[in-house]
Each structure stands twice: as structure tokens, then as C-alpha cells.
Amino acid sequence: MTTATPAPSRVPEAVHRRRWAILGTLLLALLVVVLDNSILNVAMKTIATPAPVGLGASQSDLEWAINSYTLVFAGLLFTAGLLGDRFGRKWTLLGGMLVFGLGSLLSSLATTPGELIGYRAVMGLGGAFVMPATLAIIMNVFERHEQPKAIGIWAGAVGLAIAIGPITGGLLIEHFWWGSVFLVNVPIVVVALVAMFLLVPDSKDPNPGRLDPIGVLLSIVGLVALIYGIIKGGELADFLDPKAWVPIAVGVLALVAFVLFEKRTSHPALDIGWFRNKVFSASIAVVGVVFFALMGVSFFGVFYTQSVRGYSALQAGALMLPLAGAQLLFAPRARLVVDRFGVRATCAGGMALIAVGFLGYLFLGATTPIWVLVVLGFVMGAGMAHVMPPVTVAIMGALPREKAGAGSAINNTFRQVGGSLGVAVLGAVLSTVYRDGVADHLAALPPALRDKAGESLEATLAIAAGTHDSALVTPAMDSFLHAMHVVAGLSAGITAVGAVIALLLLPGRTADTPGGPGKATAAPESASDPARV
């Protein structure tokens, strides 16, 4: 392997001098987007409570409150990245933040689960323009040798948001109404908009391709139909029901059509040829696997800490601090581990730590010392901190600089799609196993209450309290714990597959440039795409 001659400075001096202030501003945008989802996890139990305390949301409503955001987000990321590359990443970032703030305000005022789901979709629309722009701007204001450090800080900020979110959400839930968890985003958005307008430079692709509305439409239809079918199958406890398998089939066909169309069109939203790069494809797969497993488990984690263990929303939020704190601590330093051991060993080791954390959930019961959960959270956070920064560097470094928006969109798309599928698939497994486990104990209830009670642990406990039937509580807890163990075991297996992918396909010690593993991902630089003040 030859030693490349260091490239000349590509970033204007005026931008270079304020690059860390720009990064701080971008992290503020990232913070509010990630903060929202971590706050929502803490608020789910309250939102599920009947009015006037909550909205009386069902398990499916709660899943769609998450999925309406992530599906719109993932479905529009391709277009958002292309629009940023075409018209300027600063302006798509500003527009996305404005829409996100409006969606947050509307969500705080929702009066029904349906309204909340719709307004969360508006937030997803804004987030779709924010996320790819932040990472693309980082690639255009930092020189290549500083990009791994900046991306590590960017990834660590996710941990900070996860840490702040549950605590903030818990405080708000204890002192205000549930809508405050969305309203809190508004002042942050206002501050971020002012800082972005003053500090962030604009950058764009000098030779953008045409937009691809057919490809975007196919991807949205495919994802929405697929996940809707999976959620419906979980609700019905029967994936062979036409209400489940028909939308699943439609989703699969639409996604196949999307791939075929992208391969043939002259202006694809997603260049399928990028996936011929083994390291790029492996990094994308690892991102999807990690978030598939983590999002599914985070969904039931809230109900374990609050419904089974009886902790308040604030206490439940505090119990997530070790996972978030480990990410914040280790993610900015992951590049040092990569320099010493290589991308392959670092990522595979991180995935192994995450799998160990999932296996630890198998030992959690109704009376397990809570420090066990704290340790498991720290282990999983440390693992994630050694996975996300190196694979993000590999993904972004594999593409030309002028395609930074598209590269960021792909990275975030697979992360969000993986997380959305995790909530849908593992949520469906959780619902099905729980329903099967508690069914015999619900036989004494009136038929009108039986189906509702079997929908989720929270629904069973609510009906047990309403009918003063305390005999349902222990079987419901036991059934939930069993379902949680099944999902945790599945997540551990899925993460182990990700570790194998990392071992087989990611490079060893060849990742000697910030752009990625040697020649395989040394992206060409375009001299016509400087960051502009």
C-alpha cells in the first residue's frame, strides 16, 4: 500500500477558523432531533394512560407514534440529501429545523392518538432535512485528517441526547402534562436557527443530478406497507391474516421495484453501484443491525422499569444514563482504538459488547438488583460507542465530498429503517408472546375487556385496577418478563450476526486514512466543492 501525498487544504480559512463553533451548532440540531425520541420513550407510559392524564394510546398507537416519525424520516432522507447537495445544505438544514419546531408545537397540542401520530410525521419531515445536512456540513468544514474526530464527537452527541432526554422527559412528566415533552423542543429550535444562520457556511454539489420522485415514492410505499403489516400481525397475533400479510407483500414488492428502478434510471436517488464497495455495504449493514436490535429493546425497557419495577418516569430516565454516558465518554475516543486495533476488531468487539448486554437481559426479573440493569446499560453504551463512529467514517469516506448529503442520507436511512423495523418486528414478537402467555388468565374477564387486556402489560394492569382483580397482576408481570427475555435473546442473536459481518467484511489495519480502508474507500475529492461562507 502506497503512502498518499497529503491533500492541500480544501476548506476556506475563514470557515476553518470557526469549524468547532460550527460543529457545536450542528450538534445542537442533532441534539433536539435525538432528544425528542428519547423523551418520547419515557413519556410512552403516560401517553398510554387514559385521558385526562394521557391520550389512552394503545400499544399499536405507541408504535406508530414512533414509526410515523421514522418512516417519513427514512422515506424522505434520499430526497432531502439530494436537495441539500443541489440547493445548499445550510438552507435545507434551516428549513428542516423550522418544520421540526412546528411539528413539535403541534404534537404538544394533540388531543387524540391519531393527531399525535400525524404531527409526529410532520416532525419526521423536518428531521429528514436536518440529519443528512449536519453530517454533510461536517464533511465540508473539516479536513480529512480531522473528520474522524469530528464524526466521533457527532456520534457521542447522540449519547448526550439520550442522557438528557430521559431526565428531561421525567422531570417534565412529573411536573407538567405529557405534551411538555414536545413543547420543550421549541425554544431549542429557535436558538439553533439563530446560531445556524450566523455561523454555518453553505456548500453544495456543483454537478447535481436530477431528482428521482418515482424512486422516493416506491421507497415510502414499500417501507410503510411492510412495517404496517408487521405491526398488524403483532396486534392480531397472526401473521397469516390478510390484514398482515397483504401489506407485507405489497411492501416487499415495492422495495424490489425500487431497487430495480434505481439500477436502471439515469438519475437514481440511491446509486446502487455504491454498494459494490464491500466495506461500504458492510458498514451500512452493521448500522442497520445495531439499531434494529437497540430500538426494539428500548421499546420494552420503559415498561420494564416503570410497569414491572414501579419506578417513576424520572427514575426510569435516570436508569438510561449509564448507556448514554458510555457513548458520550467513548465515542469521541473510538478513533484511537481504531488506530491501534483496526476497524474490524473495533467494530466486532463493540458488537460483542452489545450482544453481551442483550444476554444480560435474560437474567432480569421483577426483583433483580437494579445495579445489574445499570451495568448492562453501560456495557451496551460502550459497545455502541465503538461501532458507530468507525462505520460512519467508512460510509462517508467512501463517497466523493460533493455527495456528502447523499452519503449522510444513506447512513441515516439505514439507521432509521433498522430502528423502525426493530420496533415493528420485535414489538410484534413482544406483543404476540405476551398475549399468548397471559391469555389463559384473562378467560374470566368479560369478552369486551378480554381482547383489550391482552394487548399489552399496561392495558392488563389498567383493566386489573379498574375491575379490582389483583389476581391478574402477577401473571401479567410474569408473561411480560418472559416476552422481554424472548426479545432480548433474539436481539442478542441479531447483534451476533452483525459482529460476524464486521469480522468478515470490514478491513483490519488497512483503515489508515480518514476516508476509510485504503484504496477501497478513498473517496475522490472534488475541487469544485469548497465550503462557502
Protein backbone atom coordinates (compact mmCIF):
# COMPACT_ATOMS: atom_id res chain seq x y z
CA MET A 1 0.00 0.00 0.00
CA THR A 2 1.47 3.33 -1.06
CA THR A 3 1.54 6.44 1.08
CA ALA A 4 -0.64 9.14 -0.39
CA THR A 5 0.60 12.70 -0.60
CA PRO A 6 -1.33 14.88 1.82
CA ALA A 7 -4.03 16.79 0.01
CA PRO A 8 -3.91 20.58 0.10
CA SER A 9 -6.34 22.43 2.33
CA ARG A 10 -9.82 22.28 0.84
CA VAL A 11 -11.60 24.42 3.44
CA PRO A 12 -11.52 28.23 3.23
CA GLU A 13 -9.53 29.76 6.09
CA ALA A 14 -12.50 31.76 7.41
CA VAL A 15 -14.51 28.54 7.73
CA HIS A 16 -11.59 26.55 9.11
CA ARG A 17 -11.12 29.01 11.98
CA ARG A 18 -14.69 28.60 13.19
CA ARG A 19 -15.08 24.90 12.42
CA TRP A 20 -15.51 23.86 16.06
CA ALA A 21 -18.14 26.54 16.67
CA ILE A 22 -19.92 25.27 13.53
CA LEU A 23 -19.74 21.72 14.89
CA GLY A 24 -21.26 22.88 18.17
CA THR A 25 -24.14 24.48 16.27
CA LEU A 26 -24.73 21.31 14.25
CA LEU A 27 -24.73 19.27 17.45
CA LEU A 28 -27.49 21.50 18.78
CA ALA A 29 -29.61 20.49 15.77
CA LEU A 30 -28.70 16.84 16.26
CA LEU A 31 -29.44 17.15 19.97
CA VAL A 32 -33.02 18.31 19.52
CA VAL A 33 -33.86 15.61 16.94
CA VAL A 34 -32.44 12.72 19.00
CA LEU A 35 -33.65 14.25 22.27
CA ASP A 36 -37.22 14.07 21.02
CA ASN A 37 -37.19 10.29 20.57
CA SER A 38 -35.53 9.59 23.91
CA ILE A 39 -38.04 11.86 25.65
CA LEU A 40 -40.89 10.09 23.89
CA ASN A 41 -39.71 6.70 25.23
CA VAL A 42 -40.07 7.96 28.81
CA ALA A 43 -43.46 9.54 28.08
CA MET A 44 -44.99 6.45 26.45
CA LYS A 45 -46.43 5.06 29.68
CA THR A 46 -48.11 8.39 30.42
CA ILE A 47 -49.44 8.76 26.86
CA ALA A 48 -50.91 5.25 27.16
CA THR A 49 -52.85 6.31 30.28
CA PRO A 50 -56.49 7.26 29.61
CA ALA A 51 -57.49 10.95 29.42
CA PRO A 52 -57.19 13.41 31.03
CA VAL A 53 -53.72 12.28 32.16
CA GLY A 54 -52.73 10.87 28.75
CA LEU A 55 -54.32 10.02 25.43
CA GLY A 56 -55.27 6.40 26.13
CA ALA A 57 -52.92 5.26 23.38
CA SER A 58 -52.80 1.54 22.61
CA GLN A 59 -49.62 -0.46 22.05
CA SER A 60 -50.11 -0.04 18.31
CA ASP A 61 -50.64 3.71 18.74
CA LEU A 62 -47.39 3.97 20.65
CA GLU A 63 -45.52 2.05 17.97
CA TRP A 64 -46.98 4.30 15.28
CA ALA A 65 -46.12 7.41 17.29
CA ILE A 66 -42.53 6.25 16.81
CA ASN A 67 -42.90 4.77 13.34
CA SER A 68 -44.82 7.68 11.78
CA TYR A 69 -41.74 9.78 12.53
CA THR A 70 -39.14 7.27 11.45
CA LEU A 71 -40.97 6.19 8.29
CA VAL A 72 -41.42 9.73 6.99
CA PHE A 73 -37.86 10.47 8.07
CA ALA A 74 -36.40 7.42 6.31
CA GLY A 75 -38.63 7.71 3.26
CA LEU A 76 -37.62 11.32 2.58
CA LEU A 77 -33.94 11.15 3.52
CA PHE A 78 -32.92 10.35 -0.06
CA THR A 79 -34.70 13.40 -1.42
CA ALA A 80 -33.57 15.59 1.48
CA GLY A 81 -29.94 14.65 0.93
CA LEU A 82 -30.20 15.32 -2.80
CA LEU A 83 -31.92 18.66 -2.24
CA GLY A 84 -29.17 19.65 0.18
CA ASP A 85 -26.49 18.70 -2.32
CA ARG A 86 -28.35 20.59 -5.07
CA PHE A 87 -29.61 23.78 -3.41
CA GLY A 88 -27.34 24.14 -0.40
CA ARG A 89 -27.08 22.20 2.84
CA LYS A 90 -27.40 25.27 5.07
CA TRP A 91 -30.82 26.15 3.68
CA THR A 92 -32.19 22.61 3.87
CA LEU A 93 -30.93 22.49 7.47
CA LEU A 94 -32.68 25.75 8.35
CA GLY A 95 -35.90 24.66 6.63
CA GLY A 96 -35.84 21.27 8.33
CA MET A 97 -35.38 22.81 11.77
CA LEU A 98 -38.27 25.19 11.18
CA VAL A 99 -40.62 22.34 10.17
CA PHE A 100 -39.41 20.20 13.07
CA GLY A 101 -40.17 23.01 15.52
CA LEU A 102 -43.66 23.46 14.08
CA GLY A 103 -44.32 19.70 14.32
CA SER A 104 -43.16 19.74 17.95
CA LEU A 105 -45.55 22.55 18.80
CA LEU A 106 -48.48 20.76 17.14
CA SER A 107 -47.60 17.44 18.84
CA SER A 108 -47.74 19.14 22.24
CA LEU A 109 -51.31 20.23 21.48
CA ALA A 110 -52.59 16.84 20.17
CA THR A 111 -55.86 15.66 21.70
CA THR A 112 -56.05 12.13 20.23
CA PRO A 113 -53.52 9.39 19.40
CA GLY A 114 -54.30 9.92 15.71
CA GLU A 115 -53.39 13.60 15.90
CA LEU A 116 -50.17 12.78 17.71
CA ILE A 117 -49.22 10.24 15.04
CA GLY A 118 -49.90 12.80 12.29
CA TYR A 119 -47.94 15.59 13.95
CA ARG A 120 -45.07 13.22 14.63
CA ALA A 121 -44.98 12.65 10.88
CA VAL A 122 -44.54 16.42 10.43
CA MET A 123 -41.61 16.24 12.82
CA GLY A 124 -40.20 13.40 10.73
CA LEU A 125 -40.43 15.61 7.64
CA GLY A 126 -38.33 18.26 9.35
CA GLY A 127 -35.89 15.74 10.77
CA ALA A 128 -35.33 14.25 7.30
CA PHE A 129 -33.79 17.54 6.19
CA VAL A 130 -31.83 18.13 9.41
CA MET A 131 -29.92 14.87 9.88
CA PRO A 132 -28.21 14.46 6.49
CA ALA A 133 -27.32 18.15 6.43
CA THR A 134 -25.44 18.02 9.76
CA LEU A 135 -23.11 15.21 8.72
CA ALA A 136 -22.68 16.59 5.18
CA ILE A 137 -21.67 20.00 6.53
CA ILE A 138 -19.13 18.36 8.86
CA MET A 139 -17.54 16.68 5.83
CA ASN A 140 -17.25 20.08 4.16
CA VAL A 141 -15.88 22.21 7.02
CA PHE A 142 -13.29 19.73 8.35
CA GLU A 143 -10.21 18.48 6.52
CA ARG A 144 -9.95 14.71 6.10
CA HIS A 145 -7.48 14.21 8.92
CA GLU A 146 -9.89 15.83 11.40
CA GLN A 147 -13.06 14.17 10.15
CA PRO A 148 -12.80 11.02 12.32
CA LYS A 149 -12.53 13.17 15.45
CA ALA A 150 -15.44 15.39 14.39
CA ILE A 151 -17.58 12.37 13.48
CA GLY A 152 -16.72 10.76 16.82
CA ILE A 153 -17.96 13.89 18.61
CA TRP A 154 -21.04 13.86 16.37
CA ALA A 155 -21.74 10.24 17.34
CA GLY A 156 -21.05 11.00 21.01
CA ALA A 157 -23.64 13.77 20.89
CA VAL A 158 -26.25 11.07 20.29
CA GLY A 159 -25.25 9.66 23.68
CA LEU A 160 -25.56 13.10 25.24
CA ALA A 161 -29.06 13.48 23.79
CA ILE A 162 -30.01 10.02 25.07
CA ALA A 163 -28.75 11.05 28.51
CA ILE A 164 -30.55 14.39 28.61
CA GLY A 165 -33.77 13.11 27.04
CA PRO A 166 -34.98 10.68 29.72
CA ILE A 167 -34.07 13.01 32.59
CA THR A 168 -35.70 15.98 30.89
CA GLY A 169 -38.73 13.88 29.99
CA GLY A 170 -39.02 12.52 33.51
CA LEU A 171 -38.88 15.99 35.05
CA LEU A 172 -41.46 17.32 32.60
CA ILE A 173 -43.82 14.36 33.08
CA GLU A 174 -43.66 14.71 36.87
CA HIS A 175 -44.36 18.45 36.88
CA PHE A 176 -46.31 19.16 33.69
CA TRP A 177 -48.67 17.49 31.22
CA TRP A 178 -47.39 14.93 28.68
CA GLY A 179 -47.33 17.47 25.81
CA SER A 180 -44.49 19.35 27.50
CA VAL A 181 -42.06 16.70 26.23
CA PHE A 182 -42.66 18.07 22.73
CA LEU A 183 -43.06 21.73 23.64
CA VAL A 184 -39.55 21.76 25.15
CA ASN A 185 -38.14 21.37 21.62
CA VAL A 186 -39.44 24.76 20.50
CA PRO A 187 -37.02 27.08 22.37
CA ILE A 188 -34.09 24.82 21.42
CA VAL A 189 -35.11 25.06 17.77
CA VAL A 190 -35.27 28.88 17.99
CA VAL A 191 -31.75 29.10 19.44
CA ALA A 192 -30.42 26.62 16.87
CA LEU A 193 -31.96 28.55 13.95
CA VAL A 194 -30.27 31.79 15.01
CA ALA A 195 -26.88 30.11 15.53
CA MET A 196 -27.07 28.25 12.21
CA PHE A 197 -27.96 31.38 10.26
CA LEU A 198 -24.98 33.25 11.73
CA LEU A 199 -22.29 30.55 11.77
CA VAL A 200 -22.93 27.69 9.33
CA PRO A 201 -21.48 28.09 5.80
CA ASP A 202 -23.29 26.82 2.76
CA SER A 203 -21.99 24.06 0.48
CA LYS A 204 -23.47 22.19 -2.44
CA ASP A 205 -22.75 19.74 -5.25
CA PRO A 206 -21.59 21.69 -8.34
CA ASN A 207 -22.96 18.98 -10.64
CA PRO A 208 -26.16 17.59 -9.07
CA GLY A 209 -28.26 15.05 -10.90
CA ARG A 210 -31.99 15.26 -11.46
CA LEU A 211 -34.44 14.36 -8.70
CA ASP A 212 -35.97 10.88 -8.57
CA PRO A 213 -39.61 11.20 -7.43
CA ILE A 214 -40.54 7.67 -8.61
CA GLY A 215 -37.76 6.10 -6.56
CA VAL A 216 -38.67 8.10 -3.47
CA LEU A 217 -42.34 7.18 -3.82
CA LEU A 218 -41.53 3.48 -4.16
CA SER A 219 -39.33 3.56 -1.07
CA ILE A 220 -42.01 5.28 1.03
CA VAL A 221 -44.75 2.88 -0.12
CA GLY A 222 -42.52 -0.13 0.48
CA LEU A 223 -41.43 0.83 3.98
CA VAL A 224 -44.82 1.98 5.20
CA ALA A 225 -46.63 -1.08 3.85
CA LEU A 226 -44.04 -3.53 5.17
CA ILE A 227 -43.93 -2.18 8.71
CA TYR A 228 -47.68 -1.64 8.86
CA GLY A 229 -48.16 -5.33 8.03
CA ILE A 230 -45.68 -6.40 10.68
CA ILE A 231 -47.34 -4.26 13.36
CA LYS A 232 -50.77 -5.55 12.32
CA GLY A 233 -49.54 -9.12 12.57
CA GLY A 234 -48.39 -8.44 16.13
CA GLU A 235 -51.72 -6.91 17.06
CA LEU A 236 -53.64 -9.86 15.64
CA ALA A 237 -51.10 -12.44 16.86
CA ASP A 238 -51.47 -13.91 13.39
CA PHE A 239 -49.15 -13.00 10.51
CA LEU A 240 -51.18 -15.22 8.16
CA ASP A 241 -54.19 -12.93 8.47
CA PRO A 242 -54.72 -10.99 5.19
CA LYS A 243 -54.62 -7.73 7.17
CA ALA A 244 -50.99 -8.54 7.94
CA TRP A 245 -49.55 -10.48 5.01
CA VAL A 246 -51.12 -8.40 2.22
CA PRO A 247 -49.42 -5.13 3.24
CA ILE A 248 -46.20 -7.06 3.93
CA ALA A 249 -46.32 -8.48 0.39
CA VAL A 250 -47.06 -5.03 -1.06
CA GLY A 251 -44.13 -3.58 0.86
CA VAL A 252 -41.69 -6.24 -0.32
CA LEU A 253 -42.79 -5.86 -3.95
CA ALA A 254 -42.48 -2.07 -3.77
CA LEU A 255 -38.97 -2.30 -2.32
CA VAL A 256 -37.92 -4.79 -5.01
CA ALA A 257 -39.34 -2.43 -7.65
CA PHE A 258 -37.41 0.41 -6.01
CA VAL A 259 -34.09 -1.43 -6.32
CA LEU A 260 -34.78 -2.45 -9.94
CA PHE A 261 -35.81 1.09 -10.88
CA GLU A 262 -32.75 2.63 -9.20
CA LYS A 263 -30.47 0.28 -11.16
CA ARG A 264 -31.98 1.35 -14.49
CA THR A 265 -32.74 5.05 -14.11
CA SER A 266 -30.17 7.61 -15.24
CA HIS A 267 -30.76 9.76 -12.14
CA PRO A 268 -31.20 7.42 -9.14
CA ALA A 269 -31.98 8.73 -5.69
CA LEU A 270 -29.77 5.89 -4.43
CA ASP A 271 -26.79 4.87 -6.54
CA ILE A 272 -26.91 1.08 -6.22
CA GLY A 273 -23.35 0.93 -7.57
CA TRP A 274 -22.04 2.30 -4.27
CA PHE A 275 -22.97 -0.98 -2.64
CA ARG A 276 -20.41 -2.84 -4.76
CA ASN A 277 -17.87 -1.48 -2.29
CA LYS A 278 -17.61 -4.30 0.26
CA VAL A 279 -16.62 -2.05 3.17
CA PHE A 280 -19.36 0.47 2.39
CA SER A 281 -22.02 -2.27 2.26
CA ALA A 282 -20.75 -3.96 5.43
CA SER A 283 -20.76 -0.64 7.31
CA ILE A 284 -24.33 0.06 6.20
CA ALA A 285 -25.40 -3.45 7.29
CA VAL A 286 -23.80 -3.00 10.72
CA VAL A 287 -25.62 0.31 11.22
CA GLY A 288 -28.97 -1.31 10.38
CA VAL A 289 -28.37 -4.32 12.62
CA VAL A 290 -27.33 -2.25 15.64
CA PHE A 291 -30.38 -0.01 15.52
CA PHE A 292 -32.74 -2.87 14.71
CA ALA A 293 -31.78 -4.57 17.95
CA LEU A 294 -31.44 -1.48 20.14
CA MET A 295 -34.71 0.22 19.18
CA GLY A 296 -36.73 -2.91 19.78
CA VAL A 297 -35.27 -3.39 23.24
CA SER A 298 -35.57 0.29 24.19
CA PHE A 299 -39.29 0.00 23.47
CA PHE A 300 -39.86 -2.64 26.17
CA GLY A 301 -37.23 -1.21 28.52
CA VAL A 302 -39.51 1.64 29.55
CA PHE A 303 -42.29 -0.76 30.53
CA TYR A 304 -39.87 -2.95 32.47
CA THR A 305 -38.58 -0.09 34.61
CA GLN A 306 -41.93 1.67 35.12
CA SER A 307 -44.62 -1.03 35.00
CA VAL A 308 -42.71 -4.03 36.38
CA ARG A 309 -40.26 -2.31 38.72
CA GLY A 310 -42.53 0.61 39.64
CA TYR A 311 -40.08 3.43 39.01
CA SER A 312 -41.30 6.91 38.15
CA ALA A 313 -40.69 8.45 34.73
CA LEU A 314 -37.80 10.48 36.18
CA GLN A 315 -36.22 7.45 37.84
CA ALA A 316 -36.65 5.41 34.64
CA GLY A 317 -34.90 8.17 32.73
CA ALA A 318 -32.02 8.17 35.20
CA LEU A 319 -31.57 4.44 34.66
CA MET A 320 -30.76 5.15 30.99
CA LEU A 321 -27.87 7.43 31.92
CA PRO A 322 -25.20 4.67 32.01
CA LEU A 323 -25.95 3.65 28.39
CA ALA A 324 -25.87 7.26 27.23
CA GLY A 325 -22.92 8.23 29.39
CA ALA A 326 -20.80 5.40 27.99
CA GLN A 327 -21.50 6.60 24.46
CA LEU A 328 -20.62 10.17 25.36
CA LEU A 329 -17.41 9.02 27.04
CA PHE A 330 -16.11 6.53 24.49
CA ALA A 331 -17.44 7.64 21.07
CA PRO A 332 -15.07 10.63 20.63
CA ARG A 333 -12.15 8.32 21.53
CA ALA A 334 -13.12 5.41 19.29
CA ARG A 335 -10.72 6.65 16.60
CA LEU A 336 -7.82 5.90 18.98
CA VAL A 337 -8.96 2.28 19.30
CA VAL A 338 -9.32 2.05 15.51
CA ASP A 339 -5.77 3.39 15.08
CA ARG A 340 -4.45 0.68 17.38
CA PHE A 341 -6.56 -2.36 16.50
CA GLY A 342 -8.22 -1.58 13.16
CA VAL A 343 -11.81 -1.13 12.08
CA ARG A 344 -12.66 -4.84 12.04
CA ALA A 345 -11.57 -5.62 15.60
CA THR A 346 -13.04 -2.39 17.00
CA CYS A 347 -16.48 -2.84 15.44
CA ALA A 348 -16.68 -6.59 16.08
CA GLY A 349 -15.66 -6.03 19.70
CA GLY A 350 -18.28 -3.31 20.06
CA MET A 351 -20.96 -5.58 18.61
CA ALA A 352 -19.90 -8.34 21.01
CA LEU A 353 -20.34 -5.98 23.96
CA ILE A 354 -23.83 -5.08 22.76
CA ALA A 355 -24.70 -8.77 22.44
CA VAL A 356 -23.45 -9.42 25.99
CA GLY A 357 -25.71 -6.62 27.20
CA PHE A 358 -28.72 -8.21 25.50
CA LEU A 359 -27.90 -11.59 27.02
CA GLY A 360 -27.78 -9.93 30.40
CA TYR A 361 -31.46 -9.02 29.99
CA LEU A 362 -32.23 -12.73 30.22
CA PHE A 363 -31.34 -12.56 33.92
CA LEU A 364 -33.56 -9.58 34.74
CA GLY A 365 -36.63 -10.36 36.82
CA ALA A 366 -39.13 -8.49 38.95
CA THR A 367 -36.74 -8.32 41.92
CA THR A 368 -33.29 -8.31 40.30
CA PRO A 369 -30.96 -5.72 41.92
CA ILE A 370 -31.23 -2.60 39.81
CA TRP A 371 -27.45 -2.19 39.60
CA VAL A 372 -27.49 -5.12 37.14
CA LEU A 373 -29.53 -3.01 34.71
CA VAL A 374 -27.12 -0.10 35.24
CA VAL A 375 -24.10 -2.26 34.38
CA LEU A 376 -25.82 -3.72 31.32
CA GLY A 377 -26.63 -0.25 30.07
CA PHE A 378 -23.02 0.88 30.43
CA VAL A 379 -21.73 -2.21 28.62
CA MET A 380 -24.13 -1.71 25.73
CA GLY A 381 -23.31 2.00 25.51
CA ALA A 382 -19.59 1.27 25.41
CA GLY A 383 -20.17 -1.26 22.66
CA MET A 384 -22.22 1.13 20.56
CA ALA A 385 -19.59 3.87 21.00
CA HIS A 386 -17.02 1.61 19.33
CA VAL A 387 -19.30 0.71 16.42
CA MET A 388 -20.98 3.87 15.15
CA PRO A 389 -18.04 6.31 14.71
CA PRO A 390 -15.79 3.99 12.63
CA VAL A 391 -18.61 2.73 10.39
CA THR A 392 -19.86 6.30 9.87
CA VAL A 393 -16.35 7.38 8.86
CA ALA A 394 -16.18 4.44 6.43
CA ILE A 395 -19.57 5.27 4.91
CA MET A 396 -18.87 8.98 4.47
CA GLY A 397 -15.30 8.47 3.30
CA ALA A 398 -16.40 6.03 0.60
CA LEU A 399 -18.14 8.75 -1.41
CA PRO A 400 -16.96 11.93 -3.14
CA ARG A 401 -17.15 15.01 -0.98
CA GLU A 402 -19.77 16.63 -3.20
CA LYS A 403 -22.05 13.65 -2.49
CA ALA A 404 -21.83 14.15 1.28
CA GLY A 405 -25.55 14.83 1.52
CA ALA A 406 -26.42 11.58 -0.25
CA GLY A 407 -23.90 9.65 1.86
CA SER A 408 -25.28 11.09 5.08
CA ALA A 409 -28.80 10.28 3.89
CA ILE A 410 -27.87 6.63 3.29
CA ASN A 411 -26.22 6.34 6.71
CA ASN A 412 -29.23 7.82 8.49
CA THR A 413 -31.74 5.96 6.33
CA PHE A 414 -30.39 2.55 7.26
CA ARG A 415 -30.15 3.61 10.89
CA GLN A 416 -33.75 4.79 10.96
CA VAL A 417 -35.10 1.92 8.86
CA GLY A 418 -33.26 -0.54 11.09
CA GLY A 419 -34.68 1.12 14.20
CA SER A 420 -38.19 1.28 12.75
CA LEU A 421 -38.10 -2.37 11.75
CA GLY A 422 -36.75 -3.22 15.19
CA VAL A 423 -39.69 -1.54 16.89
CA ALA A 424 -42.12 -3.22 14.47
CA VAL A 425 -40.67 -6.73 14.39
CA LEU A 426 -39.53 -7.00 18.00
CA GLY A 427 -42.63 -5.11 19.15
CA ALA A 428 -44.77 -7.63 17.29
CA VAL A 429 -42.86 -10.52 18.88
CA LEU A 430 -43.25 -8.92 22.31
CA SER A 431 -47.00 -8.46 21.81
CA THR A 432 -47.52 -11.97 20.46
CA VAL A 433 -45.55 -13.73 23.19
CA TYR A 434 -47.18 -11.62 25.89
CA ARG A 435 -50.68 -12.21 24.53
CA ASP A 436 -50.10 -15.97 24.36
CA GLY A 437 -48.68 -16.05 27.88
CA VAL A 438 -51.45 -14.12 29.58
CA ALA A 439 -54.42 -15.43 27.53
CA ASP A 440 -55.44 -18.20 29.93
CA HIS A 441 -55.52 -15.79 32.87
CA LEU A 442 -57.86 -13.41 31.02
CA ALA A 443 -60.54 -16.05 30.41
CA ALA A 444 -62.58 -14.89 33.42
CA LEU A 445 -62.90 -11.35 32.07
CA PRO A 446 -65.94 -10.25 30.04
CA PRO A 447 -65.35 -10.69 26.27
CA ALA A 448 -65.44 -6.92 25.75
CA LEU A 449 -62.44 -6.50 28.05
CA ARG A 450 -60.53 -9.66 27.19
CA ASP A 451 -59.01 -8.52 23.88
CA LYS A 452 -58.12 -5.10 25.24
CA ALA A 453 -56.48 -6.58 28.32
CA GLY A 454 -54.31 -8.88 26.22
CA GLU A 455 -52.95 -6.08 24.09
CA SER A 456 -50.10 -5.06 26.41
CA LEU A 457 -48.90 -5.17 30.01
CA GLU A 458 -50.10 -1.62 30.58
CA ALA A 459 -53.57 -2.49 29.27
CA THR A 460 -53.79 -5.56 31.52
CA LEU A 461 -52.75 -3.60 34.61
CA ALA A 462 -55.23 -0.82 33.81
CA ILE A 463 -58.12 -3.29 33.50
CA ALA A 464 -56.97 -5.16 36.62
CA ALA A 465 -57.10 -1.86 38.52
CA GLY A 466 -60.48 -0.94 37.03
CA THR A 467 -62.06 -4.31 37.87
CA HIS A 468 -60.21 -4.66 41.20
CA ASP A 469 -58.93 -8.03 40.02
CA SER A 470 -55.46 -8.14 41.60
CA ALA A 471 -55.08 -11.80 40.60
CA LEU A 472 -54.19 -10.62 37.08
CA VAL A 473 -51.15 -8.61 38.15
CA THR A 474 -48.64 -11.39 38.86
CA PRO A 475 -49.44 -13.46 35.73
CA ALA A 476 -49.25 -10.27 33.63
CA MET A 477 -45.82 -9.42 35.08
CA ASP A 478 -44.56 -12.96 34.51
CA SER A 479 -45.84 -13.01 30.92
CA PHE A 480 -44.20 -9.68 30.18
CA LEU A 481 -40.85 -10.78 31.62
CA HIS A 482 -40.97 -13.93 29.50
CA ALA A 483 -41.75 -11.89 26.39
CA MET A 484 -38.92 -9.47 27.25
CA HIS A 485 -36.48 -12.38 27.59
CA VAL A 486 -37.52 -13.75 24.20
CA VAL A 487 -36.97 -10.37 22.51
CA ALA A 488 -33.64 -9.85 24.28
CA GLY A 489 -32.46 -13.28 23.13
CA LEU A 490 -33.48 -12.51 19.54
CA SER A 491 -31.66 -9.17 19.76
CA ALA A 492 -28.51 -10.86 21.02
CA GLY A 493 -28.61 -13.27 18.08
CA ILE A 494 -29.17 -10.45 15.57
CA THR A 495 -26.26 -8.49 17.05
CA ALA A 496 -24.03 -11.56 16.85
CA VAL A 497 -24.80 -11.72 13.12
CA GLY A 498 -23.67 -8.10 12.88
CA ALA A 499 -20.42 -8.99 14.63
CA VAL A 500 -19.81 -11.76 12.08
CA ILE A 501 -20.45 -9.29 9.24
CA ALA A 502 -17.89 -6.94 10.79
CA LEU A 503 -15.30 -9.71 11.14
CA LEU A 504 -15.74 -10.97 7.59
CA LEU A 505 -16.15 -7.75 5.60
CA LEU A 506 -14.69 -4.78 7.43
CA PRO A 507 -10.97 -4.05 6.97
CA GLY A 508 -8.34 -4.87 9.55
CA ARG A 509 -5.48 -2.43 9.92
CA THR A 510 -5.88 -1.02 6.41
CA ALA A 511 -8.06 1.87 7.56
CA ASP A 512 -5.11 4.24 7.51
CA THR A 513 -6.89 7.27 6.13
CA PRO A 514 -9.83 9.24 7.44
CA GLY A 515 -11.59 8.40 4.25
CA GLY A 516 -11.79 4.72 5.02
CA PRO A 517 -9.96 1.48 4.34
CA GLY A 518 -7.16 2.13 1.92
CA LYS A 519 -7.98 2.35 -1.73
CA ALA A 520 -11.33 0.68 -1.27
CA THR A 521 -12.88 3.74 0.25
CA ALA A 522 -10.53 6.58 -0.56
CA ALA A 523 -13.13 8.88 -1.95
CA PRO A 524 -12.19 11.29 -4.70
CA GLU A 525 -12.14 14.93 -3.71
CA SER A 526 -13.87 17.45 -5.90
CA ALA A 527 -12.00 20.70 -6.19
CA SER A 528 -15.20 22.40 -7.26
CA ASP A 529 -16.99 21.87 -3.95
CA PRO A 530 -15.41 24.06 -1.27
CA ALA A 531 -17.42 25.06 1.75
CA ARG A 532 -18.64 28.54 1.04
CA VAL A 533 -19.03 31.27 3.60
